[in-house]
Amino acid sequence: METGQAHNSGMKRRRNAEQWRAFVFLSPSFVLLLAFFFVPTLLTFYFAFTNMALTGAAAVDTQFIGFENFKNMFQDDSFRTSVWNTLIFLIFSAVIGQQVMGFIIAVLMNGRSRTFRSVIGSIVIAGWVAPEVVCAFVWFAFLNDTGTVNAFLQSADIKPIAWLYTFPMVSVIIANIWHGTAFSMMVFQAALGDVPREVEESAMIDGANAWQRLTRITLPMIISSVTTNMVLVTLQTLGSFTLIYALTGGGPGLATETLPIYMYHQAFVNYQLGYGTAISLMLLVIGIVASLLYMRMLKVKL
């Protein structure tokens, strides 16, 4: 009996030693997370309730002002416009655009030859790997008054259109779809590759057509990947700044001023860092709410 107790005590000491050894090896990661994630996050929440600024009296003596930033925010017409623009940009460029286009391309490439998939995949991924500022200048060259689109229109004796002024939101939505579709395509390619071929072949033998196999077999089997992709694409699109700012600057007027652009203007143009930080919290809330709605609608458990 004493031998058994000694053996258990020895095993317990070894487990404790292994746990401490693991903690020592992981401690640099904990320190980095604490310094560059948790502390900045806590500071962000605190600064959102202050009048912190880059110039003026508030820059010298920052005061805690409670919910004053949020009160001013909801009374600001520009904020409401930026929220509306953000939702339009999110729905049409991410939820519908990138998600649907990525899925269609993945389905069309599924089961094709390796050469076909490599060529098409490389073309689609080329837009994704390019920096956002490069994508913005590509689409500016394509859509500006003397750009490629208007050159084609003029060759067909059609009057040129000022796309970035007449259809600014449509322009940035199309540019963002072109830039981000590759990510959705790769996610769906991986998911479709995990769908057993035997299931689809059995449905085909039973008389199910391509649409029925897609909607009743394939989609239900990859629903978790669909949800994950929607969440990731939504969060990426909510934070999209460079593409819009380089392409339109948030204009003309407030036509393409999404929340990141509005936050930048308030924090670094008007120098109201506390107010800009409060806007960033609202952006975070929108991302969390959207993610939870996706999971609820698609019935995916956390």
C-alpha atoms as a PDB file:
ATOM      1  CA  MET A   1       0.000   0.000   0.000  1.00  0.00           C
ATOM      2  CA  GLU A   2       2.864   2.352   0.909  1.00  0.00           C
ATOM      3  CA  THR A   3       4.541   1.444  -2.373  1.00  0.00           C
ATOM      4  CA  GLY A   4       1.376   2.426  -4.290  1.00  0.00           C
ATOM      5  CA  GLN A   5       1.154   5.742  -2.463  1.00  0.00           C
ATOM      6  CA  ALA A   6       4.802   6.462  -3.194  1.00  0.00           C
ATOM      7  CA  HIS A   7       4.261   5.609  -6.863  1.00  0.00           C
ATOM      8  CA  ASN A   8       1.244   7.953  -7.059  1.00  0.00           C
ATOM      9  CA  SER A   9       3.172  10.693  -5.287  1.00  0.00           C
ATOM     10  CA  GLY A  10       6.042  10.297  -7.755  1.00  0.00           C
ATOM     11  CA  MET A  11       3.690  10.493 -10.727  1.00  0.00           C
ATOM     12  CA  LYS A  12       2.087  13.614  -9.278  1.00  0.00           C
ATOM     13  CA  ARG A  13       5.484  15.276  -8.868  1.00  0.00           C
ATOM     14  CA  ARG A  14       6.400  14.397 -12.469  1.00  0.00           C
ATOM     15  CA  ARG A  15       3.124  15.850 -13.741  1.00  0.00           C
ATOM     16  CA  ASN A  16       3.705  19.052 -11.770  1.00  0.00           C
ATOM     17  CA  ALA A  17       7.255  19.279 -13.143  1.00  0.00           C
ATOM     18  CA  GLU A  18       5.955  18.798 -16.706  1.00  0.00           C
ATOM     19  CA  GLN A  19       3.306  21.455 -16.184  1.00  0.00           C
ATOM     20  CA  TRP A  20       5.876  23.942 -14.884  1.00  0.00           C
ATOM     21  CA  ARG A  21       8.197  23.096 -17.780  1.00  0.00           C
ATOM     22  CA  ALA A  22       5.363  23.700 -20.237  1.00  0.00           C
ATOM     23  CA  PHE A  23       4.520  26.978 -18.520  1.00  0.00           C
ATOM     24  CA  VAL A  24       8.152  28.134 -18.777  1.00  0.00           C
ATOM     25  CA  PHE A  25       8.252  27.366 -22.508  1.00  0.00           C
ATOM     26  CA  LEU A  26       4.885  29.089 -23.114  1.00  0.00           C
ATOM     27  CA  SER A  27       5.589  32.119 -20.926  1.00  0.00           C
ATOM     28  CA  PRO A  28       7.126  34.199 -23.786  1.00  0.00           C
ATOM     29  CA  SER A  29       3.867  33.766 -25.723  1.00  0.00           C
ATOM     30  CA  PHE A  30       1.857  34.815 -22.675  1.00  0.00           C
ATOM     31  CA  VAL A  31       4.039  37.905 -22.249  1.00  0.00           C
ATOM     32  CA  LEU A  32       3.646  38.872 -25.915  1.00  0.00           C
ATOM     33  CA  LEU A  33      -0.142  38.370 -25.782  1.00  0.00           C
ATOM     34  CA  LEU A  34      -0.330  40.429 -22.610  1.00  0.00           C
ATOM     35  CA  ALA A  35       1.811  43.251 -24.010  1.00  0.00           C
ATOM     36  CA  PHE A  36       0.427  43.448 -27.540  1.00  0.00           C
ATOM     37  CA  PHE A  37      -3.180  42.193 -27.232  1.00  0.00           C
ATOM     38  CA  PHE A  38      -4.745  42.273 -23.782  1.00  0.00           C
ATOM     39  CA  VAL A  39      -3.216  45.560 -22.569  1.00  0.00           C
ATOM     40  CA  PRO A  40      -4.020  47.463 -25.820  1.00  0.00           C
ATOM     41  CA  THR A  41      -7.547  46.035 -25.747  1.00  0.00           C
ATOM     42  CA  LEU A  42      -8.120  47.207 -22.186  1.00  0.00           C
ATOM     43  CA  LEU A  43      -6.627  50.615 -23.025  1.00  0.00           C
ATOM     44  CA  THR A  44      -8.951  50.868 -26.028  1.00  0.00           C
ATOM     45  CA  PHE A  45     -11.979  50.346 -23.805  1.00  0.00           C
ATOM     46  CA  TYR A  46     -10.681  52.969 -21.380  1.00  0.00           C
ATOM     47  CA  PHE A  47      -9.781  55.580 -24.018  1.00  0.00           C
ATOM     48  CA  ALA A  48     -13.266  55.260 -25.570  1.00  0.00           C
ATOM     49  CA  PHE A  49     -14.639  56.880 -22.398  1.00  0.00           C
ATOM     50  CA  THR A  50     -12.173  59.774 -22.354  1.00  0.00           C
ATOM     51  CA  ASN A  51     -11.706  63.019 -24.284  1.00  0.00           C
ATOM     52  CA  MET A  52      -8.164  62.077 -25.345  1.00  0.00           C
ATOM     53  CA  ALA A  53      -6.932  64.189 -28.261  1.00  0.00           C
ATOM     54  CA  LEU A  54      -3.751  64.925 -30.182  1.00  0.00           C
ATOM     55  CA  THR A  55      -4.011  68.691 -29.748  1.00  0.00           C
ATOM     56  CA  GLY A  56      -5.526  71.186 -27.316  1.00  0.00           C
ATOM     57  CA  ALA A  57      -6.170  70.953 -23.591  1.00  0.00           C
ATOM     58  CA  ALA A  58      -7.356  67.331 -23.809  1.00  0.00           C
ATOM     59  CA  ALA A  59      -3.944  66.303 -25.149  1.00  0.00           C
ATOM     60  CA  VAL A  60      -2.313  67.618 -21.955  1.00  0.00           C
ATOM     61  CA  ASP A  61      -5.004  66.667 -19.448  1.00  0.00           C
ATOM     62  CA  THR A  62      -7.135  63.753 -20.621  1.00  0.00           C
ATOM     63  CA  GLN A  63     -10.393  63.453 -18.670  1.00  0.00           C
ATOM     64  CA  PHE A  64     -12.814  60.580 -18.149  1.00  0.00           C
ATOM     65  CA  ILE A  65     -16.115  61.708 -19.720  1.00  0.00           C
ATOM     66  CA  GLY A  66     -18.241  58.556 -19.441  1.00  0.00           C
ATOM     67  CA  PHE A  67     -20.619  57.908 -22.335  1.00  0.00           C
ATOM     68  CA  GLU A  68     -20.259  61.404 -23.845  1.00  0.00           C
ATOM     69  CA  ASN A  69     -18.435  60.073 -26.936  1.00  0.00           C
ATOM     70  CA  PHE A  70     -21.182  57.541 -27.616  1.00  0.00           C
ATOM     71  CA  LYS A  71     -23.883  60.151 -27.053  1.00  0.00           C
ATOM     72  CA  ASN A  72     -22.255  62.490 -29.584  1.00  0.00           C
ATOM     73  CA  MET A  73     -21.753  59.591 -31.951  1.00  0.00           C
ATOM     74  CA  PHE A  74     -25.414  58.630 -32.164  1.00  0.00           C
ATOM     75  CA  GLN A  75     -26.396  62.274 -32.617  1.00  0.00           C
ATOM     76  CA  ASP A  76     -23.994  62.679 -35.545  1.00  0.00           C
ATOM     77  CA  ASP A  77     -25.585  62.335 -38.999  1.00  0.00           C
ATOM     78  CA  SER A  78     -22.185  61.447 -40.473  1.00  0.00           C
ATOM     79  CA  PHE A  79     -21.935  58.462 -38.114  1.00  0.00           C
ATOM     80  CA  ARG A  80     -25.341  57.150 -39.153  1.00  0.00           C
ATOM     81  CA  THR A  81     -24.384  57.567 -42.810  1.00  0.00           C
ATOM     82  CA  SER A  82     -21.121  55.683 -42.248  1.00  0.00           C
ATOM     83  CA  VAL A  83     -22.970  52.825 -40.506  1.00  0.00           C
ATOM     84  CA  TRP A  84     -25.375  52.563 -43.440  1.00  0.00           C
ATOM     85  CA  ASN A  85     -22.489  52.623 -45.920  1.00  0.00           C
ATOM     86  CA  THR A  86     -20.682  49.963 -43.895  1.00  0.00           C
ATOM     87  CA  LEU A  87     -23.706  47.649 -43.933  1.00  0.00           C
ATOM     88  CA  ILE A  88     -24.189  48.098 -47.695  1.00  0.00           C
ATOM     89  CA  PHE A  89     -20.490  47.490 -48.345  1.00  0.00           C
ATOM     90  CA  LEU A  90     -20.492  44.451 -46.032  1.00  0.00           C
ATOM     91  CA  ILE A  91     -23.607  42.782 -47.437  1.00  0.00           C
ATOM     92  CA  PHE A  92     -22.877  43.241 -51.127  1.00  0.00           C
ATOM     93  CA  SER A  93     -19.098  42.844 -51.165  1.00  0.00           C
ATOM     94  CA  ALA A  94     -18.628  40.164 -48.484  1.00  0.00           C
ATOM     95  CA  VAL A  95     -21.790  38.237 -47.612  1.00  0.00           C
ATOM     96  CA  ILE A  96     -23.116  38.140 -51.190  1.00  0.00           C
ATOM     97  CA  GLY A  97     -20.153  39.019 -53.410  1.00  0.00           C
ATOM     98  CA  GLN A  98     -17.117  37.180 -52.068  1.00  0.00           C
ATOM     99  CA  GLN A  99     -19.087  34.348 -50.519  1.00  0.00           C
ATOM    100  CA  VAL A 100     -21.183  33.555 -53.587  1.00  0.00           C
ATOM    101  CA  MET A 101     -18.420  34.133 -56.135  1.00  0.00           C
ATOM    102  CA  GLY A 102     -15.954  32.064 -54.129  1.00  0.00           C
ATOM    103  CA  PHE A 103     -18.452  29.218 -53.831  1.00  0.00           C
ATOM    104  CA  ILE A 104     -19.338  29.281 -57.540  1.00  0.00           C
ATOM    105  CA  ILE A 105     -15.681  29.204 -58.579  1.00  0.00           C
ATOM    106  CA  ALA A 106     -14.932  26.387 -56.112  1.00  0.00           C
ATOM    107  CA  VAL A 107     -17.878  24.318 -57.402  1.00  0.00           C
ATOM    108  CA  LEU A 108     -16.863  24.858 -61.031  1.00  0.00           C
ATOM    109  CA  MET A 109     -13.278  23.835 -60.234  1.00  0.00           C
ATOM    110  CA  ASN A 110     -14.289  20.807 -58.151  1.00  0.00           C
ATOM    111  CA  GLY A 111     -13.398  17.576 -59.889  1.00  0.00           C
ATOM    112  CA  ARG A 112     -11.597  19.292 -62.785  1.00  0.00           C
ATOM    113  CA  SER A 113      -8.078  18.503 -63.905  1.00  0.00           C
ATOM    114  CA  ARG A 114      -5.088  19.656 -61.886  1.00  0.00           C
ATOM    115  CA  THR A 115      -3.930  21.940 -64.720  1.00  0.00           C
ATOM    116  CA  PHE A 116      -7.331  23.636 -64.979  1.00  0.00           C
ATOM    117  CA  ARG A 117      -7.497  24.214 -61.223  1.00  0.00           C
ATOM    118  CA  SER A 118      -3.938  25.537 -61.103  1.00  0.00           C
ATOM    119  CA  VAL A 119      -4.486  28.051 -63.920  1.00  0.00           C
ATOM    120  CA  ILE A 120      -7.865  29.352 -62.701  1.00  0.00           C
ATOM    121  CA  GLY A 121      -6.759  29.326 -59.058  1.00  0.00           C
ATOM    122  CA  SER A 122      -3.613  31.311 -59.841  1.00  0.00           C
ATOM    123  CA  ILE A 123      -5.617  33.947 -61.731  1.00  0.00           C
ATOM    124  CA  VAL A 124      -8.103  34.386 -58.873  1.00  0.00           C
ATOM    125  CA  ILE A 125      -5.436  34.351 -56.148  1.00  0.00           C
ATOM    126  CA  ALA A 126      -3.392  37.014 -57.970  1.00  0.00           C
ATOM    127  CA  GLY A 127      -5.921  39.656 -56.933  1.00  0.00           C
ATOM    128  CA  TRP A 128      -5.904  38.466 -53.332  1.00  0.00           C
ATOM    129  CA  VAL A 129      -2.132  38.439 -52.764  1.00  0.00           C
ATOM    130  CA  ALA A 130      -1.726  41.955 -54.154  1.00  0.00           C
ATOM    131  CA  PRO A 131      -1.704  44.683 -51.461  1.00  0.00           C
ATOM    132  CA  GLU A 132      -4.939  46.638 -51.129  1.00  0.00           C
ATOM    133  CA  VAL A 133      -3.307  49.864 -52.284  1.00  0.00           C
ATOM    134  CA  VAL A 134      -2.158  48.112 -55.476  1.00  0.00           C
ATOM    135  CA  CYS A 135      -5.691  46.790 -56.052  1.00  0.00           C
ATOM    136  CA  ALA A 136      -7.045  50.314 -55.537  1.00  0.00           C
ATOM    137  CA  PHE A 137      -4.747  51.776 -58.190  1.00  0.00           C
ATOM    138  CA  VAL A 138      -5.553  48.913 -60.580  1.00  0.00           C
ATOM    139  CA  TRP A 139      -9.261  49.665 -60.290  1.00  0.00           C
ATOM    140  CA  PHE A 140      -8.641  53.407 -60.428  1.00  0.00           C
ATOM    141  CA  ALA A 141      -6.855  52.883 -63.749  1.00  0.00           C
ATOM    142  CA  PHE A 142      -9.772  50.718 -64.840  1.00  0.00           C
ATOM    143  CA  LEU A 143     -12.624  53.028 -63.763  1.00  0.00           C
ATOM    144  CA  ASN A 144     -11.336  56.596 -63.954  1.00  0.00           C
ATOM    145  CA  ASP A 145     -12.495  59.061 -66.627  1.00  0.00           C
ATOM    146  CA  THR A 146      -9.755  58.053 -69.072  1.00  0.00           C
ATOM    147  CA  GLY A 147      -9.535  54.448 -67.876  1.00  0.00           C
ATOM    148  CA  THR A 148      -9.991  51.109 -69.597  1.00  0.00           C
ATOM    149  CA  VAL A 149     -13.777  50.905 -69.247  1.00  0.00           C
ATOM    150  CA  ASN A 150     -14.349  54.324 -70.764  1.00  0.00           C
ATOM    151  CA  ALA A 151     -11.865  53.552 -73.529  1.00  0.00           C
ATOM    152  CA  PHE A 152     -14.031  50.571 -74.521  1.00  0.00           C
ATOM    153  CA  LEU A 153     -17.169  52.695 -74.276  1.00  0.00           C
ATOM    154  CA  GLN A 154     -15.691  55.377 -76.500  1.00  0.00           C
ATOM    155  CA  SER A 155     -14.645  52.780 -79.065  1.00  0.00           C
ATOM    156  CA  ALA A 156     -18.312  51.750 -79.199  1.00  0.00           C
ATOM    157  CA  ASP A 157     -19.440  55.397 -79.525  1.00  0.00           C
ATOM    158  CA  ILE A 158     -20.879  55.406 -75.993  1.00  0.00           C
ATOM    159  CA  LYS A 159     -20.455  58.456 -73.791  1.00  0.00           C
ATOM    160  CA  PRO A 160     -17.847  57.884 -71.016  1.00  0.00           C
ATOM    161  CA  ILE A 161     -19.095  57.556 -67.437  1.00  0.00           C
ATOM    162  CA  ALA A 162     -17.397  58.969 -64.328  1.00  0.00           C
ATOM    163  CA  TRP A 163     -17.711  55.671 -62.463  1.00  0.00           C
ATOM    164  CA  LEU A 164     -15.985  56.748 -59.248  1.00  0.00           C
ATOM    165  CA  TYR A 165     -18.274  59.796 -58.966  1.00  0.00           C
ATOM    166  CA  THR A 166     -21.506  58.449 -60.415  1.00  0.00           C
ATOM    167  CA  PHE A 167     -21.362  54.933 -58.894  1.00  0.00           C
ATOM    168  CA  PRO A 168     -18.767  55.185 -56.090  1.00  0.00           C
ATOM    169  CA  MET A 169     -20.180  52.505 -53.792  1.00  0.00           C
ATOM    170  CA  VAL A 170     -20.662  50.064 -56.671  1.00  0.00           C
ATOM    171  CA  SER A 171     -17.056  50.699 -57.697  1.00  0.00           C
ATOM    172  CA  VAL A 172     -15.544  49.934 -54.272  1.00  0.00           C
ATOM    173  CA  ILE A 173     -17.809  46.893 -53.842  1.00  0.00           C
ATOM    174  CA  ILE A 174     -16.673  45.397 -57.161  1.00  0.00           C
ATOM    175  CA  ALA A 175     -13.033  46.152 -56.333  1.00  0.00           C
ATOM    176  CA  ASN A 176     -13.334  44.470 -52.932  1.00  0.00           C
ATOM    177  CA  ILE A 177     -15.037  41.402 -54.430  1.00  0.00           C
ATOM    178  CA  TRP A 178     -12.218  41.076 -56.961  1.00  0.00           C
ATOM    179  CA  HIS A 179      -9.637  41.432 -54.200  1.00  0.00           C
ATOM    180  CA  GLY A 180     -11.116  39.055 -51.622  1.00  0.00           C
ATOM    181  CA  THR A 181     -12.941  36.292 -53.526  1.00  0.00           C
ATOM    182  CA  ALA A 182      -9.856  34.055 -53.596  1.00  0.00           C
ATOM    183  CA  PHE A 183     -10.011  33.483 -49.831  1.00  0.00           C
ATOM    184  CA  SER A 184     -13.592  32.198 -50.003  1.00  0.00           C
ATOM    185  CA  MET A 185     -12.679  30.079 -53.026  1.00  0.00           C
ATOM    186  CA  MET A 186      -9.874  28.335 -51.118  1.00  0.00           C
ATOM    187  CA  VAL A 187     -12.061  27.741 -48.056  1.00  0.00           C
ATOM    188  CA  PHE A 188     -14.809  26.161 -50.172  1.00  0.00           C
ATOM    189  CA  GLN A 189     -12.325  24.152 -52.213  1.00  0.00           C
ATOM    190  CA  ALA A 190     -11.024  22.558 -49.029  1.00  0.00           C
ATOM    191  CA  ALA A 191     -14.569  21.924 -47.766  1.00  0.00           C
ATOM    192  CA  LEU A 192     -15.774  20.405 -51.051  1.00  0.00           C
ATOM    193  CA  GLY A 193     -12.726  18.159 -51.111  1.00  0.00           C
ATOM    194  CA  ASP A 194     -13.887  16.593 -47.824  1.00  0.00           C
ATOM    195  CA  VAL A 195     -17.342  15.686 -49.157  1.00  0.00           C
ATOM    196  CA  PRO A 196     -17.343  11.888 -49.785  1.00  0.00           C
ATOM    197  CA  ARG A 197     -17.735  11.087 -53.468  1.00  0.00           C
ATOM    198  CA  GLU A 198     -19.745   7.980 -52.551  1.00  0.00           C
ATOM    199  CA  VAL A 199     -22.564  10.117 -51.135  1.00  0.00           C
ATOM    200  CA  GLU A 200     -22.884  12.176 -54.311  1.00  0.00           C
ATOM    201  CA  GLU A 201     -22.678   9.073 -56.501  1.00  0.00           C
ATOM    202  CA  SER A 202     -25.428   7.386 -54.474  1.00  0.00           C
ATOM    203  CA  ALA A 203     -27.652  10.463 -54.877  1.00  0.00           C
ATOM    204  CA  MET A 204     -26.938  10.493 -58.611  1.00  0.00           C
ATOM    205  CA  ILE A 205     -27.959   6.843 -58.884  1.00  0.00           C
ATOM    206  CA  ASP A 206     -31.173   7.682 -56.988  1.00  0.00           C
ATOM    207  CA  GLY A 207     -31.989  10.267 -59.660  1.00  0.00           C
ATOM    208  CA  ALA A 208     -30.961  13.515 -57.943  1.00  0.00           C
ATOM    209  CA  ASN A 209     -29.917  16.218 -60.402  1.00  0.00           C
ATOM    210  CA  ALA A 210     -26.920  18.538 -59.947  1.00  0.00           C
ATOM    211  CA  TRP A 211     -28.951  21.267 -58.195  1.00  0.00           C
ATOM    212  CA  GLN A 212     -30.516  18.801 -55.758  1.00  0.00           C
ATOM    213  CA  ARG A 213     -27.139  17.264 -54.950  1.00  0.00           C
ATOM    214  CA  LEU A 214     -25.689  20.721 -54.343  1.00  0.00           C
ATOM    215  CA  THR A 215     -28.489  22.078 -52.133  1.00  0.00           C
ATOM    216  CA  ARG A 216     -29.533  18.912 -50.283  1.00  0.00           C
ATOM    217  CA  ILE A 217     -26.216  17.097 -49.878  1.00  0.00           C
ATOM    218  CA  THR A 218     -23.180  19.295 -50.457  1.00  0.00           C
ATOM    219  CA  LEU A 219     -24.285  22.494 -48.711  1.00  0.00           C
ATOM    220  CA  PRO A 220     -25.571  20.794 -45.524  1.00  0.00           C
ATOM    221  CA  MET A 221     -22.290  18.869 -45.258  1.00  0.00           C
ATOM    222  CA  ILE A 222     -20.119  21.998 -45.498  1.00  0.00           C
ATOM    223  CA  ILE A 223     -22.353  24.352 -43.491  1.00  0.00           C
ATOM    224  CA  SER A 224     -19.691  24.818 -40.787  1.00  0.00           C
ATOM    225  CA  SER A 225     -17.188  25.938 -43.429  1.00  0.00           C
ATOM    226  CA  VAL A 226     -19.782  28.327 -44.877  1.00  0.00           C
ATOM    227  CA  THR A 227     -20.324  29.885 -41.448  1.00  0.00           C
ATOM    228  CA  THR A 228     -16.616  30.109 -40.684  1.00  0.00           C
ATOM    229  CA  ASN A 229     -15.956  31.762 -44.030  1.00  0.00           C
ATOM    230  CA  MET A 230     -18.809  34.239 -43.538  1.00  0.00           C
ATOM    231  CA  VAL A 231     -17.440  35.248 -40.128  1.00  0.00           C
ATOM    232  CA  LEU A 232     -13.865  35.671 -41.376  1.00  0.00           C
ATOM    233  CA  VAL A 233     -14.860  37.544 -44.537  1.00  0.00           C
ATOM    234  CA  THR A 234     -17.200  39.791 -42.528  1.00  0.00           C
ATOM    235  CA  LEU A 235     -14.506  40.736 -40.014  1.00  0.00           C
ATOM    236  CA  GLN A 236     -11.997  41.384 -42.797  1.00  0.00           C
ATOM    237  CA  THR A 237     -14.469  43.533 -44.741  1.00  0.00           C
ATOM    238  CA  LEU A 238     -15.549  45.521 -41.677  1.00  0.00           C
ATOM    239  CA  GLY A 239     -11.937  46.550 -41.195  1.00  0.00           C
ATOM    240  CA  SER A 240     -11.312  47.363 -44.845  1.00  0.00           C
ATOM    241  CA  PHE A 241      -9.674  50.787 -45.036  1.00  0.00           C
ATOM    242  CA  THR A 242      -6.825  51.013 -47.548  1.00  0.00           C
ATOM    243  CA  LEU A 243      -8.802  49.899 -50.595  1.00  0.00           C
ATOM    244  CA  ILE A 244     -11.611  52.415 -50.056  1.00  0.00           C
ATOM    245  CA  TYR A 245      -9.373  55.257 -48.917  1.00  0.00           C
ATOM    246  CA  ALA A 246      -6.965  54.900 -51.849  1.00  0.00           C
ATOM    247  CA  LEU A 247      -9.778  54.504 -54.380  1.00  0.00           C
ATOM    248  CA  THR A 248     -12.271  57.178 -53.289  1.00  0.00           C
ATOM    249  CA  GLY A 249     -11.059  58.658 -49.986  1.00  0.00           C
ATOM    250  CA  GLY A 250     -14.536  57.988 -48.596  1.00  0.00           C
ATOM    251  CA  GLY A 251     -16.107  60.298 -51.164  1.00  0.00           C
ATOM    252  CA  PRO A 252     -17.481  61.875 -53.118  1.00  0.00           C
ATOM    253  CA  GLY A 253     -18.906  63.588 -50.066  1.00  0.00           C
ATOM    254  CA  LEU A 254     -19.834  60.751 -47.684  1.00  0.00           C
ATOM    255  CA  ALA A 255     -20.854  58.286 -50.413  1.00  0.00           C
ATOM    256  CA  THR A 256     -18.240  55.647 -49.513  1.00  0.00           C
ATOM    257  CA  GLU A 257     -17.309  56.717 -45.980  1.00  0.00           C
ATOM    258  CA  THR A 258     -17.527  53.464 -44.027  1.00  0.00           C
ATOM    259  CA  LEU A 259     -16.856  53.233 -40.289  1.00  0.00           C
ATOM    260  CA  PRO A 260     -13.065  52.709 -40.633  1.00  0.00           C
ATOM    261  CA  ILE A 261     -12.837  55.822 -42.851  1.00  0.00           C
ATOM    262  CA  TYR A 262     -15.041  57.812 -40.457  1.00  0.00           C
ATOM    263  CA  MET A 263     -12.940  56.616 -37.515  1.00  0.00           C
ATOM    264  CA  TYR A 264      -9.731  57.685 -39.291  1.00  0.00           C
ATOM    265  CA  HIS A 265     -11.131  61.140 -40.024  1.00  0.00           C
ATOM    266  CA  GLN A 266     -12.206  61.683 -36.428  1.00  0.00           C
ATOM    267  CA  ALA A 267      -9.053  60.291 -34.814  1.00  0.00           C
ATOM    268  CA  PHE A 268      -6.275  61.491 -37.138  1.00  0.00           C
ATOM    269  CA  VAL A 269      -7.796  64.368 -39.114  1.00  0.00           C
ATOM    270  CA  ASN A 270      -9.870  65.976 -36.354  1.00  0.00           C
ATOM    271  CA  TYR A 271      -7.384  64.694 -33.709  1.00  0.00           C
ATOM    272  CA  GLN A 272     -10.145  63.298 -31.436  1.00  0.00           C
ATOM    273  CA  LEU A 273      -8.554  60.020 -30.392  1.00  0.00           C
ATOM    274  CA  GLY A 274     -11.095  59.244 -27.685  1.00  0.00           C
ATOM    275  CA  TYR A 275     -13.989  59.687 -30.092  1.00  0.00           C
ATOM    276  CA  GLY A 276     -12.207  57.618 -32.751  1.00  0.00           C
ATOM    277  CA  THR A 277     -11.602  54.848 -30.220  1.00  0.00           C
ATOM    278  CA  ALA A 278     -15.299  54.831 -29.326  1.00  0.00           C
ATOM    279  CA  ILE A 279     -16.108  54.362 -33.019  1.00  0.00           C
ATOM    280  CA  SER A 280     -13.725  51.391 -33.136  1.00  0.00           C
ATOM    281  CA  LEU A 281     -15.690  49.785 -30.298  1.00  0.00           C
ATOM    282  CA  MET A 282     -18.894  50.180 -32.292  1.00  0.00           C
ATOM    283  CA  LEU A 283     -17.130  48.478 -35.218  1.00  0.00           C
ATOM    284  CA  LEU A 284     -16.197  45.619 -32.885  1.00  0.00           C
ATOM    285  CA  VAL A 285     -19.798  45.318 -31.670  1.00  0.00           C
ATOM    286  CA  ILE A 286     -21.097  45.143 -35.253  1.00  0.00           C
ATOM    287  CA  GLY A 287     -18.626  42.348 -36.019  1.00  0.00           C
ATOM    288  CA  ILE A 288     -19.644  40.341 -32.947  1.00  0.00           C
ATOM    289  CA  VAL A 289     -23.374  40.771 -33.616  1.00  0.00           C
ATOM    290  CA  ALA A 290     -22.970  39.799 -37.281  1.00  0.00           C
ATOM    291  CA  SER A 291     -20.980  36.676 -36.359  1.00  0.00           C
ATOM    292  CA  LEU A 292     -23.578  35.556 -33.804  1.00  0.00           C
ATOM    293  CA  LEU A 293     -26.385  36.153 -36.322  1.00  0.00           C
ATOM    294  CA  TYR A 294     -24.614  33.987 -38.901  1.00  0.00           C
ATOM    295  CA  MET A 295     -24.233  31.157 -36.427  1.00  0.00           C
ATOM    296  CA  ARG A 296     -27.857  31.428 -35.341  1.00  0.00           C
ATOM    297  CA  MET A 297     -29.264  31.568 -38.870  1.00  0.00           C
ATOM    298  CA  LEU A 298     -27.137  28.672 -40.068  1.00  0.00           C
ATOM    299  CA  LYS A 299     -27.678  26.779 -36.794  1.00  0.00           C
ATOM    300  CA  VAL A 300     -23.997  26.236 -36.038  1.00  0.00           C
ATOM    301  CA  LYS A 301     -23.136  25.780 -32.380  1.00  0.00           C
ATOM    302  CA  LEU A 302     -20.159  27.513 -30.793  1.00  0.00           C
END
